[in-house]
N, C-alpha and C. Protein backbone atom coordinates (compact mmCIF):
# COMPACT_ATOMS: atom_id res chain seq x y z
N UNK A 1 123.54 31.83 -121.83
CA UNK A 1 124.90 31.83 -121.19
C UNK A 1 125.21 32.36 -119.83
N UNK A 2 125.70 31.67 -118.90
CA UNK A 2 126.00 32.28 -117.81
C UNK A 2 127.18 31.93 -117.36
N UNK A 3 128.24 32.87 -116.57
CA UNK A 3 129.49 32.79 -115.92
C UNK A 3 129.50 33.24 -114.92
N UNK A 4 129.94 32.68 -113.70
CA UNK A 4 129.97 33.12 -112.56
C UNK A 4 131.36 33.61 -111.85
N UNK A 5 131.64 34.79 -111.56
CA UNK A 5 133.24 34.74 -110.94
C UNK A 5 132.80 35.15 -109.46
N UNK A 6 133.87 35.24 -108.74
CA UNK A 6 133.64 35.66 -107.30
C UNK A 6 134.94 35.79 -106.63
N UNK A 7 135.16 36.36 -105.54
CA UNK A 7 136.63 36.48 -104.84
C UNK A 7 136.15 36.03 -103.33
N UNK A 8 137.06 35.41 -102.89
CA UNK A 8 136.84 34.94 -101.49
C UNK A 8 136.68 36.37 -100.58
N UNK A 9 135.99 36.12 -99.54
CA UNK A 9 136.34 37.24 -98.43
C UNK A 9 137.38 37.09 -97.73
N UNK A 10 137.75 38.37 -97.01
CA UNK A 10 138.99 38.28 -96.35
C UNK A 10 138.92 37.63 -95.14
N UNK A 11 137.76 37.43 -94.49
CA UNK A 11 137.55 36.63 -93.35
C UNK A 11 136.97 35.04 -93.88
N UNK A 12 137.30 34.37 -94.47
CA UNK A 12 136.35 33.24 -94.73
C UNK A 12 136.04 32.31 -93.51
N UNK A 13 134.95 31.84 -93.55
CA UNK A 13 134.43 30.84 -92.32
C UNK A 13 134.51 29.57 -92.68
N UNK A 14 134.60 28.69 -91.75
CA UNK A 14 134.92 27.35 -92.05
C UNK A 14 132.97 26.85 -92.50
N UNK A 15 132.67 27.04 -93.74
CA UNK A 15 131.64 26.96 -94.38
C UNK A 15 131.48 26.19 -95.84
N UNK A 16 130.57 25.36 -95.68
CA UNK A 16 130.38 24.38 -97.10
C UNK A 16 130.82 25.19 -98.25
N UNK A 17 130.13 26.71 -98.33
CA UNK A 17 130.19 27.50 -98.99
C UNK A 17 131.01 28.69 -98.67
N UNK A 18 132.16 29.02 -99.06
CA UNK A 18 132.87 30.10 -98.55
C UNK A 18 132.08 31.62 -98.81
N UNK A 19 132.00 32.33 -97.91
CA UNK A 19 131.32 33.93 -97.98
C UNK A 19 132.40 34.56 -99.14
N UNK A 20 131.79 35.23 -100.02
CA UNK A 20 132.52 35.91 -101.07
C UNK A 20 132.59 37.43 -100.68
N UNK A 21 133.40 38.08 -101.10
CA UNK A 21 133.47 39.77 -100.90
C UNK A 21 132.95 40.30 -102.19
N UNK A 22 132.79 39.60 -103.27
CA UNK A 22 132.43 40.06 -104.55
C UNK A 22 132.03 38.77 -105.32
N UNK A 23 130.80 39.30 -106.20
CA UNK A 23 130.32 38.22 -107.20
C UNK A 23 129.88 38.96 -108.87
N UNK A 24 130.21 38.24 -109.39
CA UNK A 24 130.18 39.10 -110.68
C UNK A 24 129.35 37.58 -111.74
N UNK A 25 128.59 37.94 -112.28
CA UNK A 25 127.52 37.07 -112.90
C UNK A 25 127.48 37.47 -114.34
N UNK A 26 128.01 36.88 -115.40
CA UNK A 26 127.89 37.58 -116.67
C UNK A 26 127.15 36.96 -117.72
N UNK A 27 126.09 37.35 -118.19
CA UNK A 27 124.50 36.92 -118.66
C UNK A 27 124.56 37.47 -120.08
N UNK A 28 123.85 36.62 -120.91
CA UNK A 28 123.38 37.41 -122.06
C UNK A 28 121.84 38.10 -122.08
N UNK A 29 121.23 38.61 -122.72
CA UNK A 29 120.15 39.22 -122.31
C UNK A 29 119.05 38.29 -122.25
N UNK A 30 119.03 37.21 -122.91
CA UNK A 30 118.00 36.02 -122.68
C UNK A 30 118.15 35.27 -121.20
N UNK A 31 119.61 34.98 -120.96
CA UNK A 31 119.89 34.24 -119.77
C UNK A 31 119.43 35.43 -118.55
N UNK A 32 119.49 36.62 -118.51
CA UNK A 32 119.54 37.54 -117.72
C UNK A 32 117.77 37.77 -117.36
N UNK A 33 117.00 37.60 -118.27
CA UNK A 33 115.60 37.43 -118.47
C UNK A 33 115.11 35.96 -117.50
N UNK A 34 115.82 34.88 -117.53
CA UNK A 34 115.86 33.61 -117.23
C UNK A 34 116.22 33.95 -115.65
N UNK A 35 117.29 34.42 -115.34
CA UNK A 35 117.94 34.75 -114.03
C UNK A 35 116.58 35.37 -113.28
N UNK A 36 116.23 36.45 -113.88
CA UNK A 36 115.39 37.30 -113.22
C UNK A 36 114.07 36.55 -112.87
N UNK A 37 113.63 35.84 -113.50
CA UNK A 37 112.45 35.03 -113.32
C UNK A 37 112.64 34.06 -112.04
N UNK A 38 114.00 33.49 -112.35
CA UNK A 38 114.51 32.51 -111.22
C UNK A 38 114.39 33.06 -109.91
N UNK A 39 115.01 34.57 -109.76
CA UNK A 39 115.16 35.33 -108.39
C UNK A 39 113.78 35.61 -107.96
N UNK A 40 112.60 35.90 -108.93
CA UNK A 40 111.30 36.29 -108.58
C UNK A 40 110.67 35.07 -107.89
N UNK A 41 110.97 33.95 -108.64
CA UNK A 41 110.31 32.56 -108.29
C UNK A 41 110.96 32.25 -106.80
N UNK A 42 112.32 32.58 -106.46
CA UNK A 42 113.06 32.07 -105.54
C UNK A 42 112.32 32.95 -104.09
N UNK A 43 112.00 34.26 -104.40
CA UNK A 43 111.38 35.23 -103.37
C UNK A 43 110.03 34.47 -103.06
N UNK A 44 109.26 34.45 -104.08
CA UNK A 44 107.87 33.90 -103.83
C UNK A 44 107.99 32.46 -102.98
N UNK A 45 108.83 31.60 -103.27
CA UNK A 45 108.85 30.20 -102.25
C UNK A 45 109.28 30.74 -101.27
N UNK A 46 110.23 31.81 -101.10
CA UNK A 46 110.64 32.11 -99.58
C UNK A 46 109.41 32.68 -98.69
N UNK A 47 108.77 33.65 -99.46
CA UNK A 47 107.52 34.05 -98.61
C UNK A 47 106.68 32.90 -98.25
N UNK A 48 106.40 32.22 -99.08
CA UNK A 48 105.10 31.05 -99.04
C UNK A 48 105.80 30.12 -98.09
N UNK A 49 106.89 29.72 -97.98
CA UNK A 49 107.57 28.59 -97.08
C UNK A 49 107.73 28.97 -95.84
N UNK A 50 108.27 30.22 -95.75
CA UNK A 50 108.67 30.82 -94.57
C UNK A 50 109.88 30.27 -93.99
N UNK A 51 109.78 30.15 -92.74
CA UNK A 51 111.40 29.63 -92.06
C UNK A 51 111.43 28.23 -92.63
N UNK A 52 110.63 27.36 -93.49
CA UNK A 52 110.94 26.00 -93.92
C UNK A 52 111.84 26.30 -95.51
N UNK A 53 111.87 27.56 -95.79
CA UNK A 53 112.74 27.71 -96.98
C UNK A 53 113.94 27.52 -96.98
N UNK A 54 114.63 26.82 -97.66
CA UNK A 54 116.21 26.41 -97.50
C UNK A 54 116.77 26.95 -98.77
N UNK A 55 116.64 26.58 -100.04
CA UNK A 55 117.16 26.88 -101.08
C UNK A 55 116.48 26.58 -102.67
N UNK A 56 116.73 27.09 -103.42
CA UNK A 56 116.44 26.69 -104.91
C UNK A 56 117.43 26.66 -105.63
N UNK A 57 117.38 25.81 -106.60
CA UNK A 57 118.27 25.66 -107.66
C UNK A 57 117.93 26.15 -108.98
N UNK A 58 118.67 26.98 -109.80
CA UNK A 58 118.67 27.43 -111.19
C UNK A 58 118.34 26.43 -111.92
N UNK A 59 119.35 25.44 -111.96
CA UNK A 59 119.28 23.98 -112.98
C UNK A 59 117.73 23.58 -112.80
N UNK A 60 117.19 23.64 -111.41
CA UNK A 60 115.85 22.89 -111.46
C UNK A 60 114.78 23.63 -112.14
N UNK A 61 115.14 25.26 -111.96
CA UNK A 61 114.15 26.11 -112.45
C UNK A 61 113.54 25.90 -114.04
N UNK A 62 114.73 25.95 -114.43
CA UNK A 62 115.27 26.30 -116.01
C UNK A 62 115.77 24.93 -116.28
N UNK A 63 114.51 24.03 -116.46
CA UNK A 63 114.89 22.55 -117.06
C UNK A 63 115.37 22.79 -118.30
N UNK A 64 116.21 22.07 -118.99
CA UNK A 64 116.94 21.90 -120.33
C UNK A 64 117.85 23.04 -120.68
N UNK A 65 118.21 23.65 -119.13
CA UNK A 65 119.20 24.66 -119.59
C UNK A 65 120.55 24.20 -119.86
N UNK A 66 121.33 24.99 -120.51
CA UNK A 66 122.70 24.59 -120.89
C UNK A 66 123.48 23.88 -119.89
N UNK A 67 123.93 22.43 -119.87
CA UNK A 67 124.31 21.82 -118.82
C UNK A 67 125.89 22.32 -118.33
N UNK A 68 126.47 22.90 -119.24
CA UNK A 68 127.92 23.66 -119.17
C UNK A 68 127.58 24.93 -118.19
N UNK A 69 126.56 25.35 -117.99
CA UNK A 69 126.52 26.66 -117.09
C UNK A 69 126.40 26.19 -115.68
N UNK A 70 126.84 26.88 -114.63
CA UNK A 70 126.97 26.80 -113.62
C UNK A 70 125.27 26.74 -112.78
N UNK A 71 125.25 26.01 -111.86
CA UNK A 71 123.94 25.82 -111.18
C UNK A 71 124.31 27.00 -110.07
N UNK A 72 123.14 27.76 -109.87
CA UNK A 72 123.14 28.74 -109.08
C UNK A 72 121.89 28.51 -107.77
N UNK A 73 122.35 28.81 -106.61
CA UNK A 73 121.44 28.31 -105.40
C UNK A 73 120.93 29.64 -104.92
N UNK A 74 119.75 29.80 -104.51
CA UNK A 74 119.36 30.95 -103.79
C UNK A 74 118.96 30.51 -102.39
N UNK A 75 119.55 31.08 -101.57
CA UNK A 75 119.27 30.19 -100.17
C UNK A 75 118.80 31.30 -99.13
N UNK A 76 118.19 31.09 -98.14
CA UNK A 76 117.78 31.91 -97.20
C UNK A 76 119.01 32.24 -96.38
N UNK A 77 118.75 33.56 -95.40
CA UNK A 77 120.16 33.84 -94.73
C UNK A 77 119.88 33.01 -93.45
N UNK A 78 120.90 32.48 -92.94
CA UNK A 78 120.90 31.64 -91.57
C UNK A 78 121.49 32.60 -90.66
N UNK A 79 120.76 32.64 -89.48
CA UNK A 79 121.21 33.56 -88.35
C UNK A 79 122.42 32.91 -87.75
N UNK A 80 122.34 31.37 -87.72
CA UNK A 80 123.52 30.88 -87.05
C UNK A 80 124.33 30.03 -88.04
N UNK A 81 125.88 30.15 -87.84
CA UNK A 81 126.78 29.73 -88.95
C UNK A 81 126.55 28.07 -88.91
N UNK A 82 126.23 27.65 -87.67
CA UNK A 82 126.33 26.09 -87.41
C UNK A 82 125.12 25.29 -88.23
N UNK A 83 123.95 26.17 -88.66
CA UNK A 83 122.84 26.07 -89.53
C UNK A 83 123.07 25.64 -90.78
N UNK A 84 123.97 26.24 -91.31
CA UNK A 84 124.61 26.08 -92.57
C UNK A 84 124.66 24.79 -93.68
């Protein structure tokens, strides 16, 4: 099980996803292991694809995962806010 909590930034930009000032992810030990594998997968994909890397979805990585859990996307950092 995963639950995600966040706080909006004090200076939110006009983005599809607002910048958060804090993020808390509550996980079970099993979910923590799956999430760690997902982060490692994302890093590997980012290195492999270079500037062509955009994002990966946790729900795509963990097929059959609990549909009630939130999807977590790991994206690259964009230099220009208009590219988001």
